[in-house]
Amino acid sequence: MTETANLTIKLPLELKERLKALAASNSVSMSAEISARLAQSLDGDSKEGTTVSKRKEHAAADVDNQHTEEITELPFTTGEVKKLRALLSGANKKKSKKK
């Protein structure tokens, strides 16, 4: 005899009624119908290369739901970096004089 475990879950009422109707049409209990469908779903995931990870990849790829493009700017040139450093060091000197 196969070991079983009791599991309590919360389902939307519409889903419960659909499962109940499917179980009746297949002449099995709701428990048997749910177990069979869950096993089928899990077996399908391993055959398809884990559907859950594919969903995560899709969700990660679709983070920007407005489908806008990110504007990438060129890095600073050496001259621009020198000017920024000069500006920043000048700002630091002014702060130290105010103390």
N, C-alpha and C. Protein backbone atom coordinates (compact mmCIF):
# COMPACT_ATOMS: atom_id res chain seq x y z
N MET A 1 0.84 -1.18 0.00
CA MET A 1 0.00 0.00 0.00
C MET A 1 0.88 1.25 0.00
N THR A 2 0.51 2.25 -0.77
CA THR A 2 1.28 3.48 -0.91
C THR A 2 1.04 4.38 0.30
N GLU A 3 2.12 4.98 0.78
CA GLU A 3 1.96 5.94 1.88
C GLU A 3 1.33 7.21 1.35
N THR A 4 0.48 7.81 2.15
CA THR A 4 -0.15 9.07 1.77
C THR A 4 0.04 10.08 2.88
N ALA A 5 -0.09 11.33 2.54
CA ALA A 5 0.01 12.42 3.50
C ALA A 5 -1.21 13.30 3.34
N ASN A 6 -1.72 13.78 4.46
CA ASN A 6 -2.83 14.72 4.40
C ASN A 6 -2.29 16.11 4.15
N LEU A 7 -2.98 16.85 3.29
CA LEU A 7 -2.55 18.19 2.94
C LEU A 7 -3.78 19.08 2.87
N THR A 8 -3.76 20.16 3.61
CA THR A 8 -4.86 21.12 3.57
C THR A 8 -4.41 22.32 2.76
N ILE A 9 -5.18 22.68 1.74
CA ILE A 9 -4.83 23.83 0.90
C ILE A 9 -6.04 24.73 0.74
N LYS A 10 -5.78 25.96 0.39
CA LYS A 10 -6.86 26.90 0.10
C LYS A 10 -6.91 27.11 -1.40
N LEU A 11 -8.11 26.94 -1.96
CA LEU A 11 -8.31 27.10 -3.40
C LEU A 11 -9.45 28.08 -3.63
N PRO A 12 -9.42 28.77 -4.74
CA PRO A 12 -10.60 29.56 -5.11
C PRO A 12 -11.77 28.61 -5.32
N LEU A 13 -12.95 29.04 -4.95
CA LEU A 13 -14.14 28.21 -5.04
C LEU A 13 -14.38 27.71 -6.46
N GLU A 14 -14.12 28.55 -7.46
CA GLU A 14 -14.32 28.16 -8.86
C GLU A 14 -13.42 26.98 -9.23
N LEU A 15 -12.18 27.01 -8.75
CA LEU A 15 -11.24 25.93 -9.04
C LEU A 15 -11.69 24.64 -8.37
N LYS A 16 -12.15 24.75 -7.15
CA LYS A 16 -12.65 23.57 -6.45
C LYS A 16 -13.80 22.94 -7.22
N GLU A 17 -14.71 23.77 -7.69
CA GLU A 17 -15.86 23.24 -8.42
C GLU A 17 -15.43 22.60 -9.74
N ARG A 18 -14.45 23.18 -10.40
CA ARG A 18 -13.93 22.58 -11.64
C ARG A 18 -13.31 21.22 -11.36
N LEU A 19 -12.51 21.14 -10.28
CA LEU A 19 -11.89 19.87 -9.90
C LEU A 19 -12.94 18.82 -9.54
N LYS A 20 -13.96 19.27 -8.85
CA LYS A 20 -15.05 18.36 -8.45
C LYS A 20 -15.74 17.79 -9.68
N ALA A 21 -16.02 18.65 -10.66
CA ALA A 21 -16.68 18.21 -11.89
C ALA A 21 -15.78 17.27 -12.69
N LEU A 22 -14.49 17.58 -12.77
CA LEU A 22 -13.55 16.71 -13.49
C LEU A 22 -13.44 15.35 -12.81
N ALA A 23 -13.39 15.34 -11.49
CA ALA A 23 -13.30 14.08 -10.76
C ALA A 23 -14.55 13.23 -11.02
N ALA A 24 -15.71 13.87 -11.00
CA ALA A 24 -16.96 13.15 -11.25
C ALA A 24 -16.99 12.59 -12.67
N SER A 25 -16.54 13.37 -13.64
CA SER A 25 -16.56 12.90 -15.02
C SER A 25 -15.57 11.76 -15.25
N ASN A 26 -14.50 11.70 -14.44
CA ASN A 26 -13.51 10.62 -14.54
C ASN A 26 -13.81 9.47 -13.59
N SER A 27 -14.91 9.60 -12.84
CA SER A 27 -15.35 8.58 -11.86
C SER A 27 -14.27 8.27 -10.82
N VAL A 28 -13.64 9.32 -10.32
CA VAL A 28 -12.65 9.18 -9.26
C VAL A 28 -12.93 10.22 -8.18
N SER A 29 -12.29 10.05 -7.04
CA SER A 29 -12.45 11.04 -5.97
C SER A 29 -11.71 12.32 -6.33
N MET A 30 -12.08 13.40 -5.63
CA MET A 30 -11.35 14.67 -5.86
C MET A 30 -9.88 14.50 -5.52
N SER A 31 -9.60 13.75 -4.46
CA SER A 31 -8.22 13.52 -4.06
C SER A 31 -7.43 12.83 -5.17
N ALA A 32 -8.03 11.81 -5.77
CA ALA A 32 -7.36 11.09 -6.86
C ALA A 32 -7.16 11.99 -8.06
N GLU A 33 -8.16 12.80 -8.38
CA GLU A 33 -8.06 13.72 -9.52
C GLU A 33 -6.95 14.74 -9.30
N ILE A 34 -6.92 15.32 -8.11
CA ILE A 34 -5.90 16.33 -7.78
C ILE A 34 -4.51 15.69 -7.79
N SER A 35 -4.38 14.50 -7.20
CA SER A 35 -3.08 13.81 -7.17
C SER A 35 -2.59 13.52 -8.58
N ALA A 36 -3.47 13.02 -9.44
CA ALA A 36 -3.09 12.69 -10.81
C ALA A 36 -2.66 13.94 -11.57
N ARG A 37 -3.41 15.01 -11.42
CA ARG A 37 -3.08 16.25 -12.14
C ARG A 37 -1.78 16.87 -11.62
N LEU A 38 -1.57 16.82 -10.31
CA LEU A 38 -0.34 17.36 -9.75
C LEU A 38 0.86 16.53 -10.20
N ALA A 39 0.74 15.22 -10.18
CA ALA A 39 1.83 14.36 -10.64
C ALA A 39 2.12 14.61 -12.12
N GLN A 40 1.07 14.75 -12.92
CA GLN A 40 1.25 15.02 -14.35
C GLN A 40 1.97 16.35 -14.56
N SER A 41 1.58 17.35 -13.78
CA SER A 41 2.21 18.66 -13.88
C SER A 41 3.69 18.60 -13.52
N LEU A 42 4.00 17.90 -12.44
CA LEU A 42 5.40 17.80 -12.02
C LEU A 42 6.22 16.96 -12.98
N ASP A 43 5.64 15.90 -13.51
CA ASP A 43 6.35 15.08 -14.50
C ASP A 43 6.60 15.89 -15.77
N GLY A 44 5.65 16.70 -16.17
CA GLY A 44 5.80 17.54 -17.35
C GLY A 44 6.90 18.57 -17.19
N ASP A 45 7.07 19.10 -15.97
CA ASP A 45 8.12 20.09 -15.71
C ASP A 45 9.49 19.48 -15.93
N SER A 46 9.72 18.27 -15.45
CA SER A 46 11.04 17.67 -15.59
C SER A 46 11.33 17.33 -17.05
N LYS A 47 10.29 16.99 -17.81
CA LYS A 47 10.48 16.67 -19.22
C LYS A 47 10.75 17.92 -20.04
N GLU A 48 10.13 19.03 -19.66
CA GLU A 48 10.26 20.27 -20.42
C GLU A 48 11.48 21.08 -20.00
N GLY A 49 12.23 20.60 -19.04
CA GLY A 49 13.40 21.37 -18.60
C GLY A 49 13.01 22.40 -17.57
N THR A 50 12.22 22.01 -16.62
CA THR A 50 11.73 22.83 -15.52
C THR A 50 11.03 24.11 -15.98
N THR A 51 9.75 23.99 -16.11
CA THR A 51 8.92 25.11 -16.54
C THR A 51 9.00 26.27 -15.57
N VAL A 52 9.13 25.96 -14.27
CA VAL A 52 9.19 27.03 -13.27
C VAL A 52 10.39 27.93 -13.53
N SER A 53 11.56 27.33 -13.82
CA SER A 53 12.74 28.16 -14.08
C SER A 53 12.55 28.95 -15.36
N LYS A 54 11.85 28.39 -16.34
CA LYS A 54 11.57 29.14 -17.56
C LYS A 54 10.67 30.33 -17.27
N ARG A 55 9.69 30.12 -16.38
CA ARG A 55 8.82 31.24 -16.02
C ARG A 55 9.61 32.33 -15.33
N LYS A 56 10.55 31.94 -14.45
CA LYS A 56 11.38 32.92 -13.76
C LYS A 56 12.23 33.70 -14.76
N GLU A 57 12.79 32.98 -15.74
CA GLU A 57 13.61 33.65 -16.76
C GLU A 57 12.77 34.65 -17.54
N HIS A 58 11.55 34.24 -17.89
CA HIS A 58 10.66 35.12 -18.64
C HIS A 58 10.31 36.35 -17.80
N ALA A 59 10.02 36.13 -16.52
CA ALA A 59 9.68 37.25 -15.65
C ALA A 59 10.87 38.20 -15.50
N ALA A 60 12.06 37.65 -15.38
CA ALA A 60 13.25 38.48 -15.26
C ALA A 60 13.50 39.26 -16.54
N ALA A 61 13.25 38.64 -17.67
CA ALA A 61 13.46 39.32 -18.95
C ALA A 61 12.41 40.38 -19.21
N ASP A 62 11.26 40.25 -18.56
CA ASP A 62 10.16 41.17 -18.80
C ASP A 62 9.97 42.14 -17.63
N VAL A 63 11.04 42.48 -16.94
CA VAL A 63 10.95 43.40 -15.82
C VAL A 63 10.46 44.75 -16.29
N ASP A 64 10.96 45.21 -17.41
CA ASP A 64 10.56 46.50 -17.95
C ASP A 64 9.29 46.30 -18.77
N ASN A 65 8.14 46.40 -18.10
CA ASN A 65 6.90 46.09 -18.79
C ASN A 65 6.46 47.18 -19.77
N GLN A 66 7.17 48.29 -19.82
CA GLN A 66 6.85 49.32 -20.80
C GLN A 66 7.67 49.13 -22.08
N HIS A 67 8.56 48.16 -22.05
CA HIS A 67 9.38 47.80 -23.20
C HIS A 67 10.12 49.01 -23.79
N THR A 68 10.70 49.79 -22.90
CA THR A 68 11.52 50.91 -23.33
C THR A 68 12.97 50.45 -23.39
N GLU A 69 13.75 51.13 -24.17
CA GLU A 69 15.16 50.77 -24.27
C GLU A 69 15.98 51.63 -23.32
N GLU A 70 16.95 51.01 -22.71
CA GLU A 70 17.84 51.75 -21.83
C GLU A 70 18.86 52.49 -22.67
N ILE A 71 19.05 53.74 -22.35
CA ILE A 71 20.03 54.54 -23.07
C ILE A 71 21.38 54.33 -22.41
N THR A 72 22.30 53.81 -23.16
CA THR A 72 23.64 53.59 -22.63
C THR A 72 24.53 54.71 -23.15
N GLU A 73 25.24 55.32 -22.21
CA GLU A 73 26.12 56.42 -22.58
C GLU A 73 27.56 55.93 -22.60
N LEU A 74 28.36 56.62 -23.35
CA LEU A 74 29.77 56.28 -23.43
C LEU A 74 30.44 56.63 -22.11
N PRO A 75 31.49 55.89 -21.73
CA PRO A 75 32.20 56.22 -20.50
C PRO A 75 32.93 57.56 -20.64
N PHE A 76 33.27 58.15 -19.50
CA PHE A 76 33.99 59.42 -19.53
C PHE A 76 35.35 59.24 -20.19
N THR A 77 35.76 60.27 -20.87
CA THR A 77 37.11 60.28 -21.45
C THR A 77 38.10 60.62 -20.33
N THR A 78 39.37 60.44 -20.60
CA THR A 78 40.40 60.75 -19.61
C THR A 78 40.36 62.23 -19.24
N GLY A 79 40.15 63.08 -20.21
CA GLY A 79 40.08 64.51 -19.94
C GLY A 79 38.89 64.86 -19.06
N GLU A 80 37.76 64.23 -19.31
CA GLU A 80 36.56 64.50 -18.50
C GLU A 80 36.77 64.03 -17.06
N VAL A 81 37.45 62.91 -16.89
CA VAL A 81 37.72 62.40 -15.55
C VAL A 81 38.61 63.38 -14.80
N LYS A 82 39.63 63.92 -15.47
CA LYS A 82 40.54 64.89 -14.83
C LYS A 82 39.77 66.14 -14.40
N LYS A 83 38.87 66.62 -15.26
CA LYS A 83 38.09 67.81 -14.92
C LYS A 83 37.17 67.54 -13.73
N LEU A 84 36.56 66.36 -13.69
CA LEU A 84 35.70 66.01 -12.56
C LEU A 84 36.50 65.94 -11.26
N ARG A 85 37.68 65.33 -11.33
CA ARG A 85 38.53 65.25 -10.14
C ARG A 85 38.92 66.64 -9.65
N ALA A 86 39.22 67.52 -10.57
CA ALA A 86 39.59 68.89 -10.21
C ALA A 86 38.41 69.59 -9.54
N LEU A 87 37.23 69.42 -10.11
CA LEU A 87 36.03 70.03 -9.51
C LEU A 87 35.77 69.49 -8.12
N LEU A 88 35.91 68.18 -7.96
CA LEU A 88 35.64 67.56 -6.66
C LEU A 88 36.69 67.95 -5.63
N SER A 89 37.94 68.00 -6.01
CA SER A 89 38.97 68.39 -5.05
C SER A 89 38.81 69.86 -4.67
N GLY A 90 38.38 70.69 -5.60
CA GLY A 90 38.13 72.10 -5.29
C GLY A 90 36.95 72.25 -4.33
N ALA A 91 35.94 71.42 -4.46
CA ALA A 91 34.80 71.45 -3.56
C ALA A 91 35.21 70.97 -2.17
N ASN A 92 36.08 69.99 -2.08
CA ASN A 92 36.56 69.49 -0.79
C ASN A 92 37.41 70.53 -0.09
N LYS A 93 38.21 71.29 -0.82
CA LYS A 93 39.06 72.33 -0.21
C LYS A 93 38.19 73.42 0.38
N LYS A 94 37.10 73.80 -0.32
CA LYS A 94 36.21 74.84 0.18
C LYS A 94 35.52 74.39 1.46
N LYS A 95 35.14 73.12 1.55
CA LYS A 95 34.48 72.59 2.75
C LYS A 95 35.44 72.61 3.92
N SER A 96 36.71 72.26 3.71
CA SER A 96 37.67 72.20 4.79
C SER A 96 38.00 73.61 5.30
N LYS A 97 37.94 74.64 4.44
CA LYS A 97 38.19 76.00 4.85
C LYS A 97 37.04 76.53 5.72
N LYS A 98 35.81 76.08 5.45
CA LYS A 98 34.65 76.54 6.21
C LYS A 98 34.66 76.01 7.62
N LYS A 99 35.33 74.86 7.87
CA LYS A 99 35.38 74.28 9.21
C LYS A 99 36.18 75.12 10.08
